[in-house]
Amino acid sequence: MTSPVTDSGRIGAGGAYADLIAHDGHLLAGAVAVIAAGDGPLVVHGPGAEHHTGLVLALAFLAAGVPEDEAVAAALTAEPHPAALRQALADVAALGGVEPYLLRNGLTVTLFLALRERFAGDDAGFAAGDVS
């Protein structure tokens, strides 16, 4: 399964996600939907294993209800630009937060519930450190 975000091409120099967040939230929500709908282990990466990966993971973890510090720490393992990820999450927060942002951009309540089930407890692999 591939992510719709990889075709966006809207990431600025140095990992700035402002344009992607402002104009292509439906692509981010689509990538989170791929994670939610996945069955079994998933590999999440951007083109060349960079760019959007950390942001998509952070959005998915936060939408799943993972505490923010844990979600960001896990997503940072896949993010080549930590400051850009933190700024992107601040930008999403300024737009109302992760849940409203993803809902406005097409993630369904059913997929939110699937994310929460996927990342619930130690059996999900998240707590075991299987995210990279």
Protein backbone atom coordinates (compact mmCIF):
# COMPACT_ATOMS: atom_id res chain seq x y z
CA MET A 1 0.00 0.00 0.00
CA THR A 2 1.43 3.40 -0.86
CA SER A 3 0.80 6.80 0.69
CA PRO A 4 -0.74 9.68 -1.25
CA VAL A 5 1.66 12.09 0.46
CA THR A 6 4.71 10.93 -1.44
CA ASP A 7 3.48 12.54 -4.65
CA SER A 8 2.82 15.94 -3.09
CA GLY A 9 6.23 17.50 -3.61
CA ARG A 10 5.20 20.32 -1.28
CA ILE A 11 7.89 20.22 1.36
CA GLY A 12 10.10 23.26 1.65
CA ALA A 13 13.84 23.45 2.17
CA GLY A 14 15.03 22.17 5.52
CA GLY A 15 11.92 20.12 6.18
CA ALA A 16 9.39 22.94 6.57
CA TYR A 17 5.90 21.47 6.34
CA ALA A 18 3.84 24.68 6.38
CA ASP A 19 2.62 24.44 2.79
CA LEU A 20 1.80 20.76 3.10
CA ILE A 21 -0.22 21.35 6.27
CA ALA A 22 -1.99 24.41 4.90
CA HIS A 23 -2.88 23.08 1.46
CA ASP A 24 -2.60 19.30 1.39
CA GLY A 25 -4.09 18.10 4.66
CA HIS A 26 -6.14 15.59 2.69
CA LEU A 27 -2.88 13.93 1.65
CA LEU A 28 -1.69 13.71 5.26
CA ALA A 29 -5.08 12.35 6.33
CA GLY A 30 -4.85 9.84 3.48
CA ALA A 31 -1.46 8.65 4.67
CA VAL A 32 -2.76 8.30 8.23
CA ALA A 33 -5.73 6.37 6.82
CA VAL A 34 -3.33 3.89 5.21
CA ILE A 35 -1.80 3.25 8.64
CA ALA A 36 -5.22 2.93 10.24
CA ALA A 37 -6.52 0.52 7.62
CA GLY A 38 -3.38 -1.60 7.58
CA ASP A 39 -3.50 -5.16 8.77
CA GLY A 40 -0.43 -6.41 10.58
CA PRO A 41 2.99 -4.76 10.64
CA LEU A 42 3.55 -1.76 8.39
CA VAL A 43 6.63 -0.03 7.06
CA VAL A 44 6.15 3.72 6.82
CA HIS A 45 8.62 5.80 4.85
CA GLY A 46 8.74 8.76 2.53
CA PRO A 47 10.57 9.09 -0.76
CA GLY A 48 14.16 8.14 -0.09
CA ALA A 49 13.13 7.36 3.52
CA GLU A 50 12.88 11.05 4.38
CA HIS A 51 10.53 14.03 4.42
CA HIS A 52 6.97 13.24 5.46
CA THR A 53 7.56 10.08 7.46
CA GLY A 54 7.98 11.64 10.90
CA LEU A 55 5.00 13.95 10.44
CA VAL A 56 2.70 11.16 9.24
CA LEU A 57 3.77 8.93 12.14
CA ALA A 58 3.29 11.71 14.69
CA LEU A 59 -0.19 12.48 13.34
CA ALA A 60 -1.13 8.80 13.40
CA PHE A 61 0.16 8.27 16.95
CA LEU A 62 -1.53 11.42 18.25
CA ALA A 63 -4.79 10.52 16.52
CA ALA A 64 -4.53 7.10 18.16
CA GLY A 65 -4.40 8.73 21.56
CA VAL A 66 -0.73 8.07 22.25
CA PRO A 67 0.54 10.68 24.75
CA GLU A 68 2.19 13.58 22.94
CA ASP A 69 5.67 13.10 24.39
CA GLU A 70 5.69 9.40 23.41
CA ALA A 71 4.23 10.08 19.96
CA VAL A 72 6.76 12.79 19.17
CA ALA A 73 9.69 10.73 20.52
CA ALA A 74 8.70 7.77 18.33
CA ALA A 75 8.14 9.95 15.26
CA LEU A 76 11.48 11.69 15.72
CA THR A 77 13.24 8.39 15.01
CA ALA A 78 11.99 8.72 11.42
CA GLU A 79 12.40 12.48 11.05
CA PRO A 80 15.58 14.01 9.60
CA HIS A 81 14.43 17.50 10.65
CA PRO A 82 13.28 17.44 14.31
CA ALA A 83 12.69 21.20 14.51
CA ALA A 84 10.49 21.04 11.40
CA LEU A 85 8.41 18.25 12.93
CA ARG A 86 7.89 20.17 16.15
CA GLN A 87 6.91 23.29 14.18
CA ALA A 88 4.53 21.27 12.00
CA LEU A 89 2.78 19.87 15.07
CA ALA A 90 2.54 23.38 16.51
CA ASP A 91 0.99 24.50 13.20
CA VAL A 92 -1.57 21.69 13.39
CA ALA A 93 -2.31 22.59 17.03
CA ALA A 94 -2.92 26.20 15.95
CA LEU A 95 -5.49 24.88 13.47
CA GLY A 96 -7.45 23.23 16.29
CA GLY A 97 -5.43 20.11 17.00
CA VAL A 98 -4.73 16.77 15.38
CA GLU A 99 -8.20 15.25 15.60
CA PRO A 100 -10.12 18.21 14.13
CA TYR A 101 -7.42 18.71 11.49
CA LEU A 102 -7.56 15.10 10.32
CA LEU A 103 -11.38 14.99 10.46
CA ARG A 104 -11.62 18.17 8.35
CA ASN A 105 -9.25 16.59 5.87
CA GLY A 106 -11.11 13.30 5.46
CA LEU A 107 -10.07 10.85 8.17
CA THR A 108 -13.22 9.11 9.35
CA VAL A 109 -14.26 8.32 12.91
CA THR A 110 -14.01 4.63 11.99
CA LEU A 111 -10.36 5.10 11.07
CA PHE A 112 -9.71 7.00 14.31
CA LEU A 113 -11.08 4.00 16.18
CA ALA A 114 -8.92 1.66 14.10
CA LEU A 115 -5.84 3.72 15.01
CA ARG A 116 -6.73 3.56 18.69
CA GLU A 117 -7.13 -0.20 18.48
CA ARG A 118 -3.91 -0.59 16.50
CA PHE A 119 -1.80 1.32 19.01
CA ALA A 120 -3.55 0.24 22.20
CA GLY A 121 -1.33 -1.33 24.83
CA ASP A 122 1.94 -3.18 24.54
CA ASP A 123 0.58 -5.70 22.03
CA ALA A 124 0.60 -3.03 19.32
CA GLY A 125 4.40 -2.96 19.12
CA PHE A 126 4.57 0.75 19.75
CA ALA A 127 5.47 0.43 23.41
CA ALA A 128 8.05 -2.22 22.58
CA GLY A 129 9.96 0.27 20.43
CA ASP A 130 9.13 -1.38 17.12
CA VAL A 131 8.69 1.99 15.41
CA SER A 132 11.54 3.12 13.22
